[in-house]
């Protein structure tokens, strides 16, 4: 459990440091944009955030696996008990458009099961985090899910709807 707590703190640190990098670029034109595939952009901010996240997470856990949206996948991770799963900017399209609806997503999986997660929106300074058997937090304060009998709602990405890709 001590190791899991250490991983949890590292994930939060990595998200916050990546957020600092991302905010240097947010609502500016001082970064490059490339298309990884059709309608799938990647920016300088994605790559730089990915790099700092990897550096922080692996400074104490070099034996863990790695799966990130911004790096080439490797089968080596399939042989690891622990795998970091990362999206340095989840919502790159919104980031590019200057909409503060993006986040840094970091998770740790043990033998195929998620054991901790961190989601940080640096534009809104919201850091959501959760750990197995430890509850969830927003900016370090405990949060709970509400029990409800209401119908579920659905939120669709503005950038996808705007282009009309969901009309089909």
N, C-alpha and C. Protein backbone atom coordinates (compact mmCIF):
# COMPACT_ATOMS: atom_id res chain seq x y z
N UNK A 1 0.83 -1.20 0.00
CA UNK A 1 0.00 0.00 0.00
C UNK A 1 0.86 1.26 0.00
N UNK A 2 2.02 1.18 0.67
CA UNK A 2 2.90 2.34 0.69
C UNK A 2 3.36 2.69 -0.72
N UNK A 3 3.65 1.66 -1.52
CA UNK A 3 4.07 1.89 -2.90
C UNK A 3 2.93 2.50 -3.71
N UNK A 4 1.71 2.03 -3.49
CA UNK A 4 0.56 2.58 -4.20
C UNK A 4 0.36 4.04 -3.84
N UNK A 5 0.51 4.37 -2.58
CA UNK A 5 0.38 5.77 -2.15
C UNK A 5 1.46 6.63 -2.80
N UNK A 6 2.67 6.10 -2.90
CA UNK A 6 3.76 6.81 -3.56
C UNK A 6 3.45 7.03 -5.04
N UNK A 7 2.91 6.00 -5.70
CA UNK A 7 2.51 6.12 -7.10
C UNK A 7 1.42 7.17 -7.27
N UNK A 8 0.49 7.20 -6.34
CA UNK A 8 -0.61 8.16 -6.35
C UNK A 8 -0.08 9.59 -6.29
N UNK A 9 0.85 9.83 -5.39
CA UNK A 9 1.45 11.16 -5.26
C UNK A 9 2.25 11.53 -6.51
N UNK A 10 2.97 10.55 -7.08
CA UNK A 10 3.72 10.81 -8.31
C UNK A 10 2.78 11.17 -9.46
N UNK A 11 1.66 10.47 -9.57
CA UNK A 11 0.71 10.75 -10.64
C UNK A 11 0.16 12.17 -10.51
N UNK A 12 -0.15 12.58 -9.29
CA UNK A 12 -0.64 13.95 -9.09
C UNK A 12 0.45 14.97 -9.44
N UNK A 13 1.67 14.71 -9.01
CA UNK A 13 2.79 15.60 -9.34
C UNK A 13 2.97 15.70 -10.85
N UNK A 14 2.93 14.56 -11.52
CA UNK A 14 3.11 14.55 -12.98
C UNK A 14 2.02 15.35 -13.68
N UNK A 15 0.78 15.21 -13.23
CA UNK A 15 -0.32 15.95 -13.84
C UNK A 15 -0.15 17.45 -13.64
N UNK A 16 0.23 17.85 -12.45
CA UNK A 16 0.40 19.29 -12.17
C UNK A 16 1.55 19.88 -12.98
N UNK A 17 2.66 19.16 -13.07
CA UNK A 17 3.80 19.66 -13.84
C UNK A 17 3.47 19.71 -15.33
N UNK A 18 2.76 18.71 -15.83
CA UNK A 18 2.33 18.73 -17.23
C UNK A 18 1.38 19.90 -17.46
N UNK A 19 0.52 20.18 -16.49
CA UNK A 19 -0.41 21.30 -16.60
C UNK A 19 0.31 22.63 -16.75
N UNK A 20 1.42 22.79 -16.05
CA UNK A 20 2.22 24.02 -16.18
C UNK A 20 2.73 24.19 -17.61
N UNK A 21 3.19 23.10 -18.19
CA UNK A 21 3.68 23.14 -19.57
C UNK A 21 2.53 23.48 -20.52
N UNK A 22 1.43 22.80 -20.36
CA UNK A 22 0.28 23.00 -21.25
C UNK A 22 -0.22 24.43 -21.18
N UNK A 23 -0.28 25.00 -19.99
CA UNK A 23 -0.81 26.37 -19.86
C UNK A 23 0.11 27.42 -20.48
N UNK A 24 1.39 27.09 -20.67
CA UNK A 24 2.29 28.01 -21.40
C UNK A 24 1.81 28.20 -22.84
N UNK A 25 1.16 27.17 -23.37
CA UNK A 25 0.73 27.19 -24.76
C UNK A 25 -0.75 27.54 -24.94
N UNK A 26 -1.56 27.31 -23.91
CA UNK A 26 -3.00 27.48 -24.04
C UNK A 26 -3.37 28.91 -24.44
N UNK A 27 -4.24 29.00 -25.42
CA UNK A 27 -4.74 30.27 -25.98
C UNK A 27 -3.61 31.14 -26.54
N UNK A 28 -2.59 30.46 -27.09
CA UNK A 28 -1.53 31.15 -27.83
C UNK A 28 -1.43 30.49 -29.20
N UNK A 29 -0.55 30.99 -30.01
CA UNK A 29 -0.28 30.36 -31.30
C UNK A 29 1.18 29.92 -31.37
N UNK A 30 1.80 29.75 -30.21
CA UNK A 30 3.23 29.45 -30.17
C UNK A 30 3.52 27.95 -30.11
N UNK A 31 2.69 27.15 -30.77
CA UNK A 31 2.93 25.70 -30.81
C UNK A 31 2.56 25.17 -32.19
N UNK A 32 3.13 24.02 -32.52
CA UNK A 32 2.85 23.35 -33.79
C UNK A 32 1.68 22.39 -33.61
N UNK A 33 0.92 22.21 -34.69
CA UNK A 33 -0.17 21.24 -34.72
C UNK A 33 0.08 20.32 -35.91
N UNK A 34 0.00 19.01 -35.66
CA UNK A 34 0.13 18.01 -36.72
C UNK A 34 -1.08 17.09 -36.64
N UNK A 35 -1.34 16.40 -37.73
CA UNK A 35 -2.42 15.41 -37.75
C UNK A 35 -1.80 14.01 -37.62
N UNK A 36 -2.12 13.31 -36.53
CA UNK A 36 -1.67 11.92 -36.40
C UNK A 36 -2.43 11.04 -37.39
N UNK A 37 -3.69 11.36 -37.55
CA UNK A 37 -4.57 10.72 -38.52
C UNK A 37 -5.69 11.71 -38.79
N UNK A 38 -6.63 11.36 -39.64
CA UNK A 38 -7.70 12.28 -40.00
C UNK A 38 -8.46 12.70 -38.74
N UNK A 39 -8.61 14.01 -38.56
CA UNK A 39 -9.32 14.59 -37.40
C UNK A 39 -8.73 14.17 -36.06
N UNK A 40 -7.44 13.91 -36.03
CA UNK A 40 -6.78 13.50 -34.79
C UNK A 40 -5.49 14.31 -34.62
N UNK A 41 -5.62 15.57 -34.16
CA UNK A 41 -4.45 16.43 -34.06
C UNK A 41 -3.59 16.13 -32.83
N UNK A 42 -2.34 16.54 -32.93
CA UNK A 42 -1.41 16.48 -31.81
C UNK A 42 -0.60 17.77 -31.84
N UNK A 43 -0.26 18.29 -30.68
CA UNK A 43 0.45 19.57 -30.60
C UNK A 43 1.78 19.43 -29.88
N UNK A 44 2.56 20.48 -29.98
CA UNK A 44 3.80 20.57 -29.21
C UNK A 44 3.51 20.38 -27.73
N UNK A 45 2.41 20.95 -27.26
CA UNK A 45 2.04 20.82 -25.84
C UNK A 45 1.80 19.37 -25.46
N UNK A 46 1.14 18.59 -26.35
CA UNK A 46 0.93 17.16 -26.09
C UNK A 46 2.26 16.45 -25.86
N UNK A 47 3.19 16.67 -26.78
CA UNK A 47 4.49 15.98 -26.70
C UNK A 47 5.29 16.40 -25.47
N UNK A 48 5.32 17.69 -25.18
CA UNK A 48 6.09 18.15 -24.02
C UNK A 48 5.47 17.69 -22.71
N UNK A 49 4.14 17.71 -22.63
CA UNK A 49 3.46 17.22 -21.43
C UNK A 49 3.71 15.72 -21.26
N UNK A 50 3.64 14.98 -22.35
CA UNK A 50 3.89 13.55 -22.31
C UNK A 50 5.29 13.26 -21.77
N UNK A 51 6.26 14.03 -22.22
CA UNK A 51 7.65 13.83 -21.81
C UNK A 51 7.83 14.05 -20.31
N UNK A 52 7.27 15.13 -19.78
CA UNK A 52 7.44 15.40 -18.34
C UNK A 52 6.69 14.37 -17.50
N UNK A 53 5.53 13.94 -17.97
CA UNK A 53 4.77 12.91 -17.24
C UNK A 53 5.60 11.63 -17.16
N UNK A 54 6.15 11.23 -18.29
CA UNK A 54 6.96 10.00 -18.32
C UNK A 54 8.18 10.13 -17.41
N UNK A 55 8.86 11.25 -17.46
CA UNK A 55 10.04 11.47 -16.61
C UNK A 55 9.69 11.36 -15.13
N UNK A 56 8.61 11.98 -14.73
CA UNK A 56 8.22 11.96 -13.31
C UNK A 56 7.77 10.57 -12.87
N UNK A 57 6.94 9.92 -13.68
CA UNK A 57 6.41 8.62 -13.28
C UNK A 57 7.48 7.54 -13.24
N UNK A 58 8.48 7.66 -14.09
CA UNK A 58 9.51 6.62 -14.14
C UNK A 58 10.73 6.91 -13.28
N UNK A 59 10.75 8.05 -12.61
CA UNK A 59 11.93 8.32 -11.76
C UNK A 59 12.01 7.34 -10.60
N UNK A 60 10.88 6.76 -10.20
CA UNK A 60 10.89 5.77 -9.12
C UNK A 60 10.36 4.41 -9.57
N UNK A 61 9.80 4.32 -10.75
CA UNK A 61 9.13 3.09 -11.20
C UNK A 61 9.59 2.67 -12.59
N UNK A 62 10.87 2.51 -12.77
CA UNK A 62 11.38 2.19 -14.11
C UNK A 62 10.92 0.81 -14.60
N UNK A 63 10.45 -0.03 -13.71
CA UNK A 63 10.00 -1.36 -14.10
C UNK A 63 8.55 -1.44 -14.53
N UNK A 64 7.85 -0.33 -14.53
CA UNK A 64 6.44 -0.32 -14.93
C UNK A 64 6.33 -0.24 -16.46
N UNK A 65 5.18 -0.66 -16.97
CA UNK A 65 4.89 -0.51 -18.39
C UNK A 65 4.35 0.88 -18.68
N UNK A 66 4.22 1.20 -19.98
CA UNK A 66 3.82 2.54 -20.41
C UNK A 66 2.91 2.43 -21.62
N UNK A 67 1.77 3.09 -21.56
CA UNK A 67 0.87 3.21 -22.70
C UNK A 67 0.38 4.64 -22.74
N UNK A 68 0.79 5.36 -23.78
CA UNK A 68 0.41 6.76 -23.92
C UNK A 68 -0.10 7.01 -25.32
N UNK A 69 -1.04 7.92 -25.42
CA UNK A 69 -1.58 8.28 -26.72
C UNK A 69 -0.52 8.91 -27.62
N UNK A 70 0.53 9.48 -27.02
CA UNK A 70 1.51 10.22 -27.81
C UNK A 70 2.83 9.49 -28.02
N UNK A 71 2.91 8.22 -27.67
CA UNK A 71 4.11 7.45 -27.96
C UNK A 71 3.73 6.15 -28.64
N UNK A 72 4.69 5.58 -29.34
CA UNK A 72 4.46 4.31 -30.03
C UNK A 72 4.27 3.22 -28.98
N UNK A 73 3.23 2.41 -29.17
CA UNK A 73 2.95 1.34 -28.22
C UNK A 73 3.99 0.22 -28.38
N UNK A 74 4.22 -0.49 -27.30
CA UNK A 74 5.16 -1.60 -27.30
C UNK A 74 4.54 -2.79 -26.58
N UNK A 75 4.73 -3.98 -27.13
CA UNK A 75 4.22 -5.19 -26.49
C UNK A 75 4.89 -5.47 -25.15
N UNK A 76 6.00 -4.81 -24.88
CA UNK A 76 6.71 -5.01 -23.62
C UNK A 76 5.79 -4.73 -22.44
N UNK A 77 4.90 -3.75 -22.59
CA UNK A 77 4.01 -3.40 -21.47
C UNK A 77 3.11 -4.56 -21.08
N UNK A 78 2.82 -5.46 -22.03
CA UNK A 78 1.94 -6.59 -21.75
C UNK A 78 2.58 -7.59 -20.79
N UNK A 79 3.88 -7.50 -20.61
CA UNK A 79 4.60 -8.40 -19.71
C UNK A 79 4.79 -7.78 -18.32
N UNK A 80 4.28 -6.59 -18.12
CA UNK A 80 4.46 -5.87 -16.85
C UNK A 80 3.21 -6.02 -15.98
N UNK A 81 3.42 -6.13 -14.67
CA UNK A 81 2.30 -6.18 -13.73
C UNK A 81 1.61 -4.82 -13.60
N UNK A 82 2.42 -3.75 -13.69
CA UNK A 82 1.91 -2.39 -13.55
C UNK A 82 2.14 -1.63 -14.85
N UNK A 83 1.12 -0.91 -15.30
CA UNK A 83 1.23 -0.12 -16.53
C UNK A 83 0.62 1.26 -16.30
N UNK A 84 1.40 2.29 -16.60
CA UNK A 84 0.87 3.66 -16.61
C UNK A 84 0.11 3.85 -17.92
N UNK A 85 -1.08 4.41 -17.85
CA UNK A 85 -1.90 4.71 -19.02
C UNK A 85 -2.13 6.22 -19.02
N UNK A 86 -1.70 6.89 -20.10
CA UNK A 86 -1.62 8.35 -20.10
C UNK A 86 -2.20 8.95 -21.37
N UNK A 87 -2.94 10.03 -21.21
CA UNK A 87 -3.29 10.92 -22.32
C UNK A 87 -2.90 12.32 -21.84
N UNK A 88 -1.79 12.86 -22.37
CA UNK A 88 -1.29 14.13 -21.86
C UNK A 88 -2.23 15.31 -22.09
N UNK A 89 -2.99 15.29 -23.17
CA UNK A 89 -4.07 16.26 -23.34
C UNK A 89 -5.28 15.51 -23.89
N UNK A 90 -6.19 15.17 -23.03
CA UNK A 90 -7.45 14.56 -23.43
C UNK A 90 -8.38 15.71 -23.78
N UNK A 91 -8.59 15.90 -25.07
CA UNK A 91 -9.34 17.07 -25.54
C UNK A 91 -8.44 18.02 -26.30
N UNK A 92 -7.55 17.46 -27.11
CA UNK A 92 -6.61 18.30 -27.87
C UNK A 92 -7.34 19.28 -28.78
N UNK A 93 -8.46 18.86 -29.35
CA UNK A 93 -9.20 19.77 -30.25
C UNK A 93 -9.71 20.99 -29.48
N UNK A 94 -10.21 20.76 -28.29
CA UNK A 94 -10.68 21.88 -27.47
C UNK A 94 -9.51 22.78 -27.07
N UNK A 95 -8.39 22.16 -26.72
CA UNK A 95 -7.18 22.92 -26.39
C UNK A 95 -6.81 23.84 -27.55
N UNK A 96 -6.78 23.31 -28.75
CA UNK A 96 -6.42 24.09 -29.94
C UNK A 96 -7.39 25.25 -30.15
N UNK A 97 -8.67 25.00 -29.91
CA UNK A 97 -9.68 26.04 -30.12
C UNK A 97 -9.75 27.04 -28.96
N UNK A 98 -8.94 26.84 -27.94
CA UNK A 98 -8.93 27.77 -26.81
C UNK A 98 -10.08 27.56 -25.84
N UNK A 99 -10.70 26.40 -25.89
CA UNK A 99 -11.81 26.06 -25.00
C UNK A 99 -11.23 25.32 -23.79
N UNK A 100 -11.51 25.76 -22.58
CA UNK A 100 -10.89 25.15 -21.40
C UNK A 100 -11.51 23.81 -20.97
N UNK A 101 -11.89 23.00 -21.93
CA UNK A 101 -12.49 21.69 -21.67
C UNK A 101 -11.53 20.59 -22.11
N UNK A 102 -10.40 20.50 -21.47
CA UNK A 102 -9.41 19.45 -21.76
C UNK A 102 -8.79 19.05 -20.43
N UNK A 103 -8.14 17.91 -20.42
CA UNK A 103 -7.53 17.46 -19.17
C UNK A 103 -6.32 16.58 -19.44
N UNK A 104 -5.55 16.40 -18.41
CA UNK A 104 -4.44 15.45 -18.40
C UNK A 104 -4.99 14.22 -17.70
N UNK A 105 -4.87 13.06 -18.33
CA UNK A 105 -5.41 11.84 -17.76
C UNK A 105 -4.27 10.85 -17.51
N UNK A 106 -4.17 10.39 -16.27
CA UNK A 106 -3.13 9.44 -15.88
C UNK A 106 -3.78 8.34 -15.05
N UNK A 107 -3.53 7.11 -15.43
CA UNK A 107 -4.04 5.99 -14.64
C UNK A 107 -2.94 4.96 -14.43
N UNK A 108 -3.09 4.18 -13.39
CA UNK A 108 -2.18 3.06 -13.16
C UNK A 108 -3.01 1.79 -13.09
N UNK A 109 -2.59 0.80 -13.87
CA UNK A 109 -3.30 -0.47 -13.97
C UNK A 109 -2.40 -1.56 -13.39
N UNK A 110 -2.98 -2.40 -12.54
CA UNK A 110 -2.26 -3.55 -11.99
C UNK A 110 -2.93 -4.81 -12.50
N UNK A 111 -2.18 -5.62 -13.25
CA UNK A 111 -2.70 -6.87 -13.80
C UNK A 111 -4.05 -6.67 -14.49
N UNK A 112 -4.15 -5.61 -15.25
CA UNK A 112 -5.35 -5.34 -16.04
C UNK A 112 -6.46 -4.60 -15.32
N UNK A 113 -6.28 -4.28 -14.04
CA UNK A 113 -7.32 -3.57 -13.28
C UNK A 113 -6.82 -2.20 -12.84
N UNK A 114 -7.63 -1.16 -13.06
CA UNK A 114 -7.21 0.18 -12.63
C UNK A 114 -7.14 0.27 -11.11
N UNK A 115 -6.04 0.89 -10.62
CA UNK A 115 -5.88 1.01 -9.17
C UNK A 115 -5.77 2.46 -8.71
N UNK A 116 -5.50 3.37 -9.65
CA UNK A 116 -5.52 4.79 -9.32
C UNK A 116 -5.71 5.59 -10.59
N UNK A 117 -6.21 6.79 -10.42
CA UNK A 117 -6.40 7.68 -11.56
C UNK A 117 -6.34 9.13 -11.15
N UNK A 118 -5.83 9.94 -12.08
CA UNK A 118 -5.74 11.38 -11.88
C UNK A 118 -6.21 12.06 -13.15
N UNK A 119 -7.12 13.01 -13.02
CA UNK A 119 -7.58 13.82 -14.15
C UNK A 119 -7.45 15.27 -13.72
N UNK A 120 -6.67 16.02 -14.50
CA UNK A 120 -6.39 17.41 -14.13
C UNK A 120 -6.71 18.34 -15.29
N UNK A 121 -7.57 19.32 -15.02
CA UNK A 121 -7.85 20.38 -15.98
C UNK A 121 -7.11 21.62 -15.48
N UNK A 122 -5.93 21.91 -16.06
CA UNK A 122 -5.15 23.04 -15.57
C UNK A 122 -5.80 24.39 -15.86
N UNK A 123 -6.65 24.47 -16.88
CA UNK A 123 -7.31 25.73 -17.20
C UNK A 123 -8.33 26.10 -16.14
N UNK A 124 -8.88 25.11 -15.47
CA UNK A 124 -9.87 25.35 -14.41
C UNK A 124 -9.32 25.03 -13.03
N UNK A 125 -8.07 24.60 -12.98
CA UNK A 125 -7.42 24.21 -11.73
C UNK A 125 -8.25 23.19 -10.96
N UNK A 126 -8.69 22.14 -11.67
CA UNK A 126 -9.46 21.05 -11.07
C UNK A 126 -8.65 19.77 -11.17
N UNK A 127 -8.28 19.22 -10.03
CA UNK A 127 -7.52 17.98 -9.97
C UNK A 127 -8.38 16.91 -9.30
N UNK A 128 -8.93 16.02 -10.12
CA UNK A 128 -9.70 14.88 -9.62
C UNK A 128 -8.73 13.71 -9.48
N UNK A 129 -8.85 12.99 -8.38
CA UNK A 129 -7.97 11.84 -8.18
C UNK A 129 -8.69 10.78 -7.36
N UNK A 130 -8.31 9.53 -7.60
CA UNK A 130 -8.91 8.42 -6.87
C UNK A 130 -7.90 7.29 -6.78
N UNK A 131 -8.02 6.54 -5.70
CA UNK A 131 -7.12 5.41 -5.46
C UNK A 131 -7.95 4.27 -4.88
N UNK A 132 -7.59 3.05 -5.24
CA UNK A 132 -8.28 1.87 -4.71
C UNK A 132 -8.40 1.93 -3.20
N UNK A 133 -9.58 1.73 -2.70
CA UNK A 133 -9.86 1.70 -1.26
C UNK A 133 -9.47 2.99 -0.55
N UNK A 134 -9.40 4.09 -1.30
CA UNK A 134 -9.02 5.35 -0.69
C UNK A 134 -9.95 6.49 -1.03
N UNK A 135 -10.97 6.20 -1.81
CA UNK A 135 -11.91 7.25 -2.17
C UNK A 135 -11.41 8.16 -3.27
N UNK A 136 -12.19 9.18 -3.51
CA UNK A 136 -11.89 10.14 -4.58
C UNK A 136 -11.79 11.54 -3.99
N UNK A 137 -11.03 12.39 -4.69
CA UNK A 137 -10.82 13.76 -4.23
C UNK A 137 -10.94 14.74 -5.39
N UNK A 138 -11.30 15.94 -5.05
CA UNK A 138 -11.21 17.09 -5.96
C UNK A 138 -10.35 18.12 -5.24
N UNK A 139 -9.21 18.41 -5.83
CA UNK A 139 -8.25 19.36 -5.24
C UNK A 139 -7.93 19.04 -3.78
N UNK A 140 -7.76 17.74 -3.50
CA UNK A 140 -7.36 17.30 -2.17
C UNK A 140 -8.48 17.14 -1.16
N UNK A 141 -9.71 17.46 -1.55
CA UNK A 141 -10.86 17.32 -0.65
C UNK A 141 -11.71 16.13 -1.09
N UNK A 142 -12.12 15.34 -0.13
CA UNK A 142 -12.90 14.14 -0.40
C UNK A 142 -14.20 14.47 -1.13
N UNK A 143 -14.52 13.66 -2.13
CA UNK A 143 -15.79 13.80 -2.86
C UNK A 143 -16.47 12.44 -2.88
N UNK A 144 -17.78 12.46 -3.07
CA UNK A 144 -18.55 11.23 -3.15
C UNK A 144 -19.50 11.31 -4.33
N UNK A 145 -19.80 10.15 -4.87
CA UNK A 145 -20.80 10.08 -5.93
C UNK A 145 -22.18 10.17 -5.30
N UNK A 146 -23.06 10.87 -5.96
CA UNK A 146 -24.43 10.97 -5.48
C UNK A 146 -25.22 9.76 -5.95
N UNK A 147 -26.05 9.24 -5.08
CA UNK A 147 -26.96 8.17 -5.46
C UNK A 147 -28.18 8.83 -6.09
N UNK A 148 -28.59 8.35 -7.23
CA UNK A 148 -29.72 8.96 -7.91
C UNK A 148 -30.51 7.91 -8.67
N UNK A 149 -31.78 8.17 -8.82
CA UNK A 149 -32.64 7.31 -9.62
C UNK A 149 -32.99 7.98 -10.94
N UNK A 150 -32.34 9.10 -11.21
CA UNK A 150 -32.63 9.83 -12.45
C UNK A 150 -32.01 9.10 -13.64
N UNK A 151 -32.57 9.39 -14.81
CA UNK A 151 -32.01 8.84 -16.03
C UNK A 151 -30.62 9.42 -16.25
N UNK A 152 -29.78 8.64 -16.87
CA UNK A 152 -28.43 9.10 -17.16
C UNK A 152 -28.45 10.18 -18.24
N UNK A 153 -27.51 11.11 -18.14
CA UNK A 153 -27.35 12.14 -19.16
C UNK A 153 -26.10 11.83 -19.96
N UNK A 154 -26.02 12.41 -21.13
CA UNK A 154 -24.87 12.18 -22.00
C UNK A 154 -24.29 13.52 -22.40
N UNK A 155 -22.97 13.64 -22.30
CA UNK A 155 -22.27 14.84 -22.75
C UNK A 155 -21.43 14.45 -23.95
N UNK A 156 -21.64 15.15 -25.05
CA UNK A 156 -20.91 14.87 -26.28
C UNK A 156 -19.91 15.99 -26.50
N UNK A 157 -18.75 15.64 -26.99
CA UNK A 157 -17.70 16.63 -27.25
C UNK A 157 -18.19 17.69 -28.22
N UNK A 158 -18.00 18.94 -27.83
CA UNK A 158 -18.41 20.05 -28.69
C UNK A 158 -17.71 20.01 -30.03
N UNK A 159 -16.44 19.69 -30.03
CA UNK A 159 -15.69 19.73 -31.29
C UNK A 159 -16.18 18.66 -32.26
N UNK A 160 -16.62 17.51 -31.78
CA UNK A 160 -17.13 16.47 -32.66
C UNK A 160 -18.50 16.85 -33.21
N UNK A 161 -19.36 17.37 -32.36
CA UNK A 161 -20.71 17.75 -32.78
C UNK A 161 -20.65 18.89 -33.78
N UNK A 162 -19.78 19.84 -33.53
CA UNK A 162 -19.68 21.02 -34.39
C UNK A 162 -19.35 20.63 -35.83
N UNK A 163 -18.53 19.61 -36.00
CA UNK A 163 -18.15 19.19 -37.34
C UNK A 163 -19.22 18.32 -37.99
N UNK A 164 -20.21 17.89 -37.22
CA UNK A 164 -21.28 17.09 -37.79
C UNK A 164 -20.98 15.61 -37.92
N UNK A 165 -19.94 15.14 -37.26
CA UNK A 165 -19.57 13.73 -37.38
C UNK A 165 -20.57 12.81 -36.69
N UNK A 166 -21.41 13.35 -35.81
CA UNK A 166 -22.37 12.53 -35.08
C UNK A 166 -23.75 12.53 -35.73
N UNK A 167 -23.88 13.11 -36.92
CA UNK A 167 -25.17 13.19 -37.59
C UNK A 167 -25.61 11.85 -38.17
N UNK A 168 -24.71 10.93 -38.31
CA UNK A 168 -25.01 9.66 -39.01
C UNK A 168 -25.72 8.68 -38.14
